[in-house]
Amino acid sequence: MDDKFTSTYDADFLVWTEQQARALRALAKNRANLPNELDLEHVIEEIEDLGRSELNAVRSQIRNIMIHLIKAACDGESRAAAHWAVEARAFHGAMIDKVTPAMRTRLELQKLWAQARRYASADLVAFGRSSPDWLPSQCPFEPEDFVEEFLDYAKLASRLSPPA
């Protein structure tokens, strides 16, 4: 196998899956010398799904971190506040090795922020707390906040403070 593809596989799995899907599509156009039982259409879909699945896993963990940050900002005196910080670091640990350079530009933080606000609000209301209406509508975080080796939970939490 070409070293270029091996290094891409190791460096950016999402990009590798996209490259492989394109190469297989080109191959499928000219099926000469390919066995008929080779189901290229579904093989291509599966390879693309692998890359999307990794990206979605990263997005999910970032959304979970945001939810915990919001809950802590809205109910910082809760006995669960320390637990939320521990869980946020665990979410980060579960995702950090999956993040690739291509994913950093596709995280859709604003979309994740909107979802996190809705989920955190529902959780807080379920436990008799007020809904976080004062939270900014625009995501206060950048991709770098989540893709660094260490999640600086305190720094991120400091960006979410209730009005005085």
Foldseek 3Di string as FASTA:
>chain_A
DDVVLVVCCVQPVLVSLVVVLVVLVVCVVPVPPPDPVPPSVVVNVVSNVVSVVLLVLLLVLVLLLLLLLVLCQQCVVDPCNVVSVVVNQVSLVVNQVSDHPVSLVVSPQLVSNVVSLVVSQVVQVVVVTHRPPVFDSGDPDHSVCRNDPGRPSVVNSVVRHGDD
